[in-house]
Amino acid sequence: MRDIFRQTTLTIAMAAACFAAQQAHADEGGVSLWLPGNFGSLAATPGTPGWSWATVYYHASVSAGAGQQFPRGGRVDVGIAGQADLAFFGPTYVFATPVLGGQAAVSLLGVAGRNEGSAALSLTGPLGNTIALNRTQDLVSYGDVIPQVTLKWNQGVNNYMVYGMGNIPIGDYDSNRLANLGIGHGAIDFGGGYTYFNPVTGNEFSGVVGLTYNFKNTHTNYQNGTDFHFDWGASHFFNKQLQLGLVGYYFQQITDDFGAPAALGGFRSRIAGVGPQIGYIFPMGDKLSGYLNLKGYKEFAAQNRPEGWNTWLTFAISPAAEPPAAAKPLSRKY
């Protein structure tokens, strides 16, 4: 039974952990490919081979100080704020055949929902058009598409992972808008992670680090710098179903933007967040397992980035772990 608990837990975690998004904060206009909090508990644990599906409802509310300036599409927005209500969704396929001694998986993420942006003041260049005061815009539409590949290894209570992902910029984007669901440029992200999970004690800790390289936004001739990010989660399973713990993240831009106004310099951004989480595993018939997870983050230490709070509600469906084969009865010949 202990092995079944471990395999089921790892499977639902695999279905829920393979998501990243691009609609919340940092870099040009306060937007980056990587959404801090993307990875969490059990991130590096392998799963049961087959198809799984996850849907994530994401809500965020952020704002920057009245005097903070953000470059966007050839202008500078001052005192920006935003609110997002988004749904991220997509399948993951876990391969049964080992790759380099590990377990490979591929996933594809889509996003749709509502994004609202506002600015206390928008300034154009010296040869530009109009100075706008107190602008607010909202958009209900679709975002970019994000493919991801992971490779994971298990060694007892220790689990290891490497991953790679990219951004296909087909989402709804307009450099003149305050609210977008696409980021307007391609990007690639890669990194690795570790999970300690002991099914005997129910204790777990996970950490994932990564780097994002952003390609130039041809709509604005602006290129975001390289981003470093670290997501972590720690939890305790009180039984085979209930999980409680903490989550957190740290995001730091490590190279300058190209195309920022001289007054803004390299416009490197930073943010950190921490908060609680609760998870619940439940059977869905004989073949499937369900997983609900709610986590929230309060942000702090913002630099060149709006600050606020966000919550994630995840519902994942994945294959149930196969029970061990029953031992054959002994037969004796006399």
Protein backbone atom coordinates (compact mmCIF):
# COMPACT_ATOMS: atom_id res chain seq x y z
CA MET A 1 0.00 0.00 0.00
CA ARG A 2 2.90 2.34 0.72
CA ASP A 3 4.18 1.95 -2.86
CA ILE A 4 0.71 2.65 -4.29
CA PHE A 5 0.46 5.83 -2.18
CA ARG A 6 3.86 6.96 -3.42
CA GLN A 7 3.09 6.25 -7.09
CA THR A 8 -0.37 7.87 -6.95
CA THR A 9 1.04 10.96 -5.24
CA LEU A 10 3.81 11.27 -7.81
CA THR A 11 1.38 10.85 -10.69
CA ILE A 12 -1.02 13.61 -9.66
CA ALA A 13 1.94 15.86 -8.89
CA MET A 14 3.30 15.26 -12.37
CA ALA A 15 -0.02 16.27 -13.90
CA ALA A 16 -0.25 19.43 -11.83
CA ALA A 17 3.36 20.66 -12.03
CA CYS A 18 3.91 21.02 -15.78
CA PHE A 19 2.61 24.54 -16.20
CA ALA A 20 4.06 27.96 -16.85
CA ALA A 21 2.45 31.16 -18.00
CA GLN A 22 3.17 34.63 -19.22
CA GLN A 23 0.53 37.07 -18.18
CA ALA A 24 1.44 38.45 -14.80
CA HIS A 25 4.49 40.67 -14.31
CA ALA A 26 8.17 41.82 -15.07
CA ASP A 27 10.40 43.14 -17.87
CA GLU A 28 8.82 45.22 -20.69
CA GLY A 29 5.47 46.56 -19.52
CA GLY A 30 5.78 44.41 -16.39
CA VAL A 31 5.37 41.11 -18.33
CA SER A 32 7.60 38.02 -18.59
CA LEU A 33 7.34 34.47 -19.89
CA TRP A 34 7.98 32.87 -16.49
CA LEU A 35 5.16 33.10 -13.99
CA PRO A 36 6.67 32.73 -10.48
CA GLY A 37 4.98 29.91 -8.61
CA ASN A 38 4.74 27.71 -11.70
CA PHE A 39 6.48 24.79 -9.97
CA GLY A 40 5.69 23.68 -6.44
CA SER A 41 5.57 20.58 -4.25
CA LEU A 42 6.58 17.21 -5.76
CA ALA A 43 7.80 18.99 -8.91
CA ALA A 44 10.65 16.55 -9.63
CA THR A 45 8.83 13.29 -8.91
CA PRO A 46 8.12 10.88 -11.80
CA GLY A 47 4.58 9.74 -12.56
CA THR A 48 2.60 6.87 -14.02
CA PRO A 49 2.95 6.50 -17.83
CA GLY A 50 0.04 7.72 -19.93
CA TRP A 51 -2.06 10.82 -20.52
CA SER A 52 -3.02 13.32 -17.84
CA TRP A 53 -4.80 16.67 -17.86
CA ALA A 54 -4.59 19.71 -15.61
CA THR A 55 -6.63 22.92 -15.39
CA VAL A 56 -5.44 25.85 -13.29
CA TYR A 57 -7.48 28.90 -12.32
CA TYR A 58 -5.12 31.80 -11.61
CA HIS A 59 -6.08 35.09 -9.98
CA ALA A 60 -3.64 37.95 -9.43
CA SER A 61 -3.89 41.54 -8.27
CA VAL A 62 -0.78 43.73 -8.51
CA SER A 63 0.18 47.39 -8.48
CA ALA A 64 3.26 49.59 -8.56
CA GLY A 65 3.96 52.86 -6.78
CA ALA A 66 2.57 56.04 -8.28
CA GLY A 67 6.01 57.17 -9.44
CA GLN A 68 7.34 53.85 -10.83
CA GLN A 69 7.92 53.82 -14.58
CA PHE A 70 7.60 50.87 -16.99
CA PRO A 71 8.59 50.86 -20.70
CA ARG A 72 5.96 49.56 -23.10
CA GLY A 73 5.84 49.79 -26.90
CA GLY A 74 7.83 53.03 -27.29
CA ARG A 75 6.22 54.80 -24.35
CA VAL A 76 6.62 54.87 -20.58
CA ASP A 77 3.69 53.96 -18.30
CA VAL A 78 3.76 55.37 -14.77
CA GLY A 79 2.02 53.83 -11.75
CA ILE A 80 0.72 50.66 -13.40
CA ALA A 81 -1.69 48.16 -11.84
CA GLY A 82 -3.34 44.99 -13.06
CA GLN A 83 -5.72 42.17 -12.30
CA ALA A 84 -5.88 38.78 -14.01
CA ASP A 85 -8.41 35.94 -13.98
CA LEU A 86 -6.99 33.23 -16.20
CA ALA A 87 -7.42 29.55 -16.96
CA PHE A 88 -4.36 27.49 -17.92
CA PHE A 89 -5.09 24.06 -19.35
CA GLY A 90 -3.47 21.28 -21.29
CA PRO A 91 -2.39 17.64 -21.54
CA THR A 92 0.76 15.86 -20.41
CA TYR A 93 2.00 12.54 -21.76
CA VAL A 94 4.41 10.44 -19.68
CA PHE A 95 6.43 7.90 -21.67
CA ALA A 96 6.79 4.33 -20.42
CA THR A 97 10.13 3.73 -22.18
CA PRO A 98 13.06 5.14 -20.16
CA VAL A 99 15.19 7.92 -21.67
CA LEU A 100 18.75 8.22 -20.33
CA GLY A 101 17.65 6.14 -17.39
CA GLY A 102 14.85 8.56 -16.51
CA GLN A 103 11.20 9.21 -17.26
CA ALA A 104 10.40 11.62 -20.10
CA ALA A 105 7.20 13.63 -20.42
CA VAL A 106 5.86 16.29 -22.79
CA SER A 107 3.11 18.81 -22.17
CA LEU A 108 1.37 21.63 -24.02
CA LEU A 109 -0.23 24.60 -22.28
CA GLY A 110 -2.94 26.95 -23.47
CA VAL A 111 -4.38 29.95 -21.68
CA ALA A 112 -7.52 32.07 -21.88
CA GLY A 113 -9.25 34.56 -19.63
CA ARG A 114 -9.47 38.20 -18.64
CA ASN A 115 -6.65 40.64 -18.01
CA GLU A 116 -7.06 44.24 -16.86
CA GLY A 117 -4.34 46.90 -16.88
CA SER A 118 -4.23 50.52 -15.82
CA ALA A 119 -1.70 53.35 -15.68
CA ALA A 120 -1.85 56.66 -13.86
CA LEU A 121 0.09 58.30 -16.70
CA SER A 122 1.38 57.25 -20.15
CA LEU A 123 4.14 59.30 -21.79
CA THR A 124 5.22 58.97 -25.43
CA GLY A 125 8.61 59.89 -26.87
CA PRO A 126 9.68 63.44 -27.75
CA LEU A 127 8.26 63.06 -31.28
CA GLY A 128 5.30 60.99 -30.13
CA ASN A 129 1.64 61.57 -29.83
CA THR A 130 -0.44 62.11 -26.73
CA ILE A 131 0.05 62.15 -22.96
CA ALA A 132 -2.75 60.04 -21.49
CA LEU A 133 -3.89 60.21 -17.87
CA ASN A 134 -5.57 57.43 -15.86
CA ARG A 135 -5.84 54.85 -18.61
CA THR A 136 -7.63 51.56 -17.91
CA GLN A 137 -8.16 48.74 -20.38
CA ASP A 138 -9.32 45.13 -20.11
CA LEU A 139 -9.17 42.20 -22.49
CA VAL A 140 -10.94 38.84 -22.61
CA SER A 141 -9.10 36.61 -25.07
CA TYR A 142 -6.47 33.87 -25.49
CA GLY A 143 -2.75 33.75 -24.77
CA ASP A 144 0.41 32.20 -26.17
CA VAL A 145 1.07 28.45 -26.42
CA ILE A 146 3.81 26.90 -24.27
CA PRO A 147 5.33 23.44 -24.97
CA GLN A 148 7.41 21.77 -22.26
CA VAL A 149 9.63 18.67 -21.97
CA THR A 150 10.78 17.12 -18.68
CA LEU A 151 13.13 14.27 -17.75
CA LYS A 152 12.97 12.85 -14.22
CA TRP A 153 14.86 10.30 -12.15
CA ASN A 154 13.91 8.59 -8.89
CA GLN A 155 16.38 7.19 -6.34
CA GLY A 156 14.44 6.24 -3.24
CA VAL A 157 13.37 9.40 -1.42
CA ASN A 158 15.44 11.56 -3.81
CA ASN A 159 14.05 12.77 -7.14
CA TYR A 160 15.77 14.84 -9.83
CA MET A 161 14.51 16.71 -12.88
CA VAL A 162 15.63 18.74 -15.87
CA TYR A 163 13.18 20.62 -18.07
CA GLY A 164 12.97 22.85 -21.12
CA MET A 165 10.10 25.00 -22.35
CA GLY A 166 9.38 27.71 -24.88
CA ASN A 167 6.87 30.37 -25.80
CA ILE A 168 5.06 30.37 -29.16
CA PRO A 169 3.84 34.00 -29.49
CA ILE A 170 0.41 33.51 -31.07
CA GLY A 171 -1.61 35.06 -28.24
CA ASP A 172 -3.64 38.25 -28.37
CA TYR A 173 -1.08 41.10 -28.21
CA ASP A 174 -1.06 44.77 -29.15
CA SER A 175 1.82 47.01 -28.08
CA ASN A 176 -0.57 49.97 -27.78
CA ARG A 177 -2.74 48.20 -25.18
CA LEU A 178 -2.26 48.13 -21.44
CA ALA A 179 -3.88 44.67 -21.21
CA ASN A 180 -2.57 41.70 -23.21
CA LEU A 181 -2.71 37.93 -22.93
CA GLY A 182 0.33 37.36 -25.15
CA ILE A 183 3.84 38.72 -24.58
CA GLY A 184 4.56 39.57 -28.23
CA HIS A 185 7.85 37.66 -28.52
CA GLY A 186 9.38 34.20 -28.33
CA ALA A 187 11.31 32.92 -25.32
CA ILE A 188 13.00 29.74 -24.06
CA ASP A 189 13.38 28.57 -20.48
CA PHE A 190 15.38 25.68 -19.04
CA GLY A 191 16.39 24.46 -15.61
CA GLY A 192 16.43 21.65 -13.08
CA GLY A 193 14.87 20.62 -9.80
CA TYR A 194 15.00 18.32 -6.80
CA THR A 195 12.30 16.75 -4.62
CA TYR A 196 12.74 14.95 -1.33
CA PHE A 197 9.68 12.81 -0.63
CA ASN A 198 9.42 10.19 2.09
CA PRO A 199 6.07 8.34 1.93
CA VAL A 200 6.72 6.80 5.36
CA THR A 201 6.89 10.13 7.20
CA GLY A 202 4.78 12.06 4.65
CA ASN A 203 7.37 14.84 4.46
CA GLU A 204 8.26 16.54 1.18
CA PHE A 205 10.39 19.43 -0.07
CA SER A 206 10.92 20.60 -3.66
CA GLY A 207 13.00 23.30 -5.35
CA VAL A 208 13.30 24.21 -9.05
CA VAL A 209 15.72 26.74 -10.57
CA GLY A 210 15.70 28.02 -14.14
CA LEU A 211 16.77 30.71 -16.61
CA THR A 212 14.66 32.48 -19.25
CA TYR A 213 16.14 33.86 -22.46
CA ASN A 214 13.87 36.34 -24.24
CA PHE A 215 13.98 37.06 -27.96
CA LYS A 216 13.41 40.56 -29.30
CA ASN A 217 9.87 41.89 -29.46
CA THR A 218 9.72 42.97 -33.10
CA HIS A 219 6.58 45.03 -32.42
CA THR A 220 8.53 47.38 -30.14
CA ASN A 221 12.23 46.61 -30.90
CA TYR A 222 12.61 45.84 -27.19
CA GLN A 223 14.39 42.80 -25.73
CA ASN A 224 13.98 41.70 -22.13
CA GLY A 225 17.05 40.58 -20.22
CA THR A 226 17.73 37.06 -18.96
CA ASP A 227 15.63 36.04 -15.94
CA PHE A 228 16.63 33.75 -13.04
CA HIS A 229 13.87 32.10 -10.99
CA PHE A 230 13.58 29.73 -8.05
CA ASP A 231 10.29 28.08 -7.00
CA TRP A 232 9.94 25.94 -3.89
CA GLY A 233 7.35 24.00 -1.95
CA ALA A 234 7.31 22.10 1.35
CA SER A 235 4.45 19.97 2.62
CA HIS A 236 3.37 17.16 4.91
CA PHE A 237 0.91 14.39 3.98
CA PHE A 238 -1.19 13.70 7.07
CA ASN A 239 -2.63 10.64 5.33
CA LYS A 240 -2.86 9.30 1.77
CA GLN A 241 -5.16 12.14 0.74
CA LEU A 242 -4.53 15.39 2.67
CA GLN A 243 -1.47 17.61 2.12
CA LEU A 244 -0.62 20.89 3.90
CA GLY A 245 2.41 23.12 3.53
CA LEU A 246 4.10 26.28 2.30
CA VAL A 247 5.17 27.55 -1.13
CA GLY A 248 7.40 30.38 -2.28
CA TYR A 249 9.39 31.90 -5.13
CA TYR A 250 12.18 34.30 -5.97
CA PHE A 251 12.56 35.99 -9.38
CA GLN A 252 15.57 38.10 -10.40
CA GLN A 253 16.49 39.54 -13.79
CA ILE A 254 20.26 39.09 -14.19
CA THR A 255 21.01 40.95 -17.46
CA ASP A 256 19.86 44.33 -18.77
CA ASP A 257 16.94 44.98 -21.06
CA PHE A 258 17.77 46.37 -24.52
CA GLY A 259 15.61 49.22 -25.73
CA ALA A 260 14.67 50.80 -22.40
CA PRO A 261 14.75 54.59 -22.21
CA ALA A 262 18.12 55.87 -20.97
CA ALA A 263 16.49 57.19 -17.80
CA LEU A 264 15.42 53.65 -16.85
CA GLY A 265 18.85 52.06 -17.40
CA GLY A 266 18.90 48.26 -17.70
CA PHE A 267 15.50 48.01 -15.97
CA ARG A 268 16.30 44.80 -14.08
CA SER A 269 13.36 43.42 -12.10
CA ARG A 270 12.97 41.39 -8.91
CA ILE A 271 10.15 39.86 -6.85
CA ALA A 272 9.66 37.32 -4.06
CA GLY A 273 6.56 35.62 -2.69
CA VAL A 274 5.49 33.15 0.01
CA GLY A 275 2.24 31.60 1.20
CA PRO A 276 0.25 28.48 2.23
CA GLN A 277 -0.96 25.49 0.26
CA ILE A 278 -3.43 22.63 0.73
CA GLY A 279 -3.86 19.57 -1.49
CA TYR A 280 -6.30 16.67 -1.65
CA ILE A 281 -6.07 13.39 -3.60
CA PHE A 282 -9.15 11.35 -4.45
CA PRO A 283 -9.96 8.34 -6.66
CA MET A 284 -11.95 8.74 -9.88
CA GLY A 285 -13.03 5.18 -10.61
CA ASP A 286 -10.57 2.34 -10.99
CA LYS A 287 -8.31 3.92 -13.63
CA LEU A 288 -7.94 7.58 -12.67
CA SER A 289 -6.89 9.76 -9.75
CA GLY A 290 -7.95 13.34 -9.09
CA TYR A 291 -6.02 16.09 -7.34
CA LEU A 292 -7.09 19.49 -6.02
CA ASN A 293 -4.51 22.00 -4.84
CA LEU A 294 -4.97 25.57 -3.61
CA LYS A 295 -1.96 27.80 -3.01
CA GLY A 296 -1.47 31.52 -2.56
CA TYR A 297 1.45 33.96 -2.53
CA LYS A 298 1.95 37.37 -0.91
CA GLU A 299 4.65 39.27 -2.80
CA PHE A 300 7.41 41.50 -1.43
CA ALA A 301 10.85 42.94 -2.30
CA ALA A 302 9.65 44.21 -5.69
CA GLN A 303 12.02 46.11 -7.96
CA ASN A 304 10.96 47.44 -11.40
CA ARG A 305 7.91 45.25 -11.08
CA PRO A 306 4.36 45.56 -9.71
CA GLU A 307 3.71 43.82 -6.39
CA GLY A 308 0.63 42.17 -4.94
CA TRP A 309 -0.78 38.69 -4.36
CA ASN A 310 -1.92 35.71 -6.39
CA THR A 311 -3.77 32.42 -5.91
CA TRP A 312 -3.74 29.16 -7.88
CA LEU A 313 -6.49 26.51 -7.89
CA THR A 314 -5.38 23.33 -9.68
CA PHE A 315 -7.51 20.37 -10.72
CA ALA A 316 -5.58 17.48 -12.24
CA ILE A 317 -6.67 14.10 -13.60
CA SER A 318 -4.05 11.40 -14.14
CA PRO A 319 -3.75 7.61 -14.41
CA ALA A 320 -4.06 5.76 -11.12
CA ALA A 321 -1.06 3.72 -10.05
CA GLU A 322 -1.35 0.05 -10.87
CA PRO A 323 -1.70 -2.14 -7.75
CA PRO A 324 1.09 -4.68 -7.27
CA ALA A 325 0.44 -8.07 -8.75
CA ALA A 326 -0.98 -10.55 -6.27
CA ALA A 327 1.44 -13.23 -5.16
CA LYS A 328 0.78 -16.59 -6.74
CA PRO A 329 -0.20 -19.35 -4.28
CA LEU A 330 2.40 -21.99 -3.69
CA SER A 331 1.69 -25.31 -5.32
CA ARG A 332 3.29 -28.49 -4.23
CA LYS A 333 3.54 -31.80 -5.96
CA TYR A 334 3.49 -34.95 -3.90
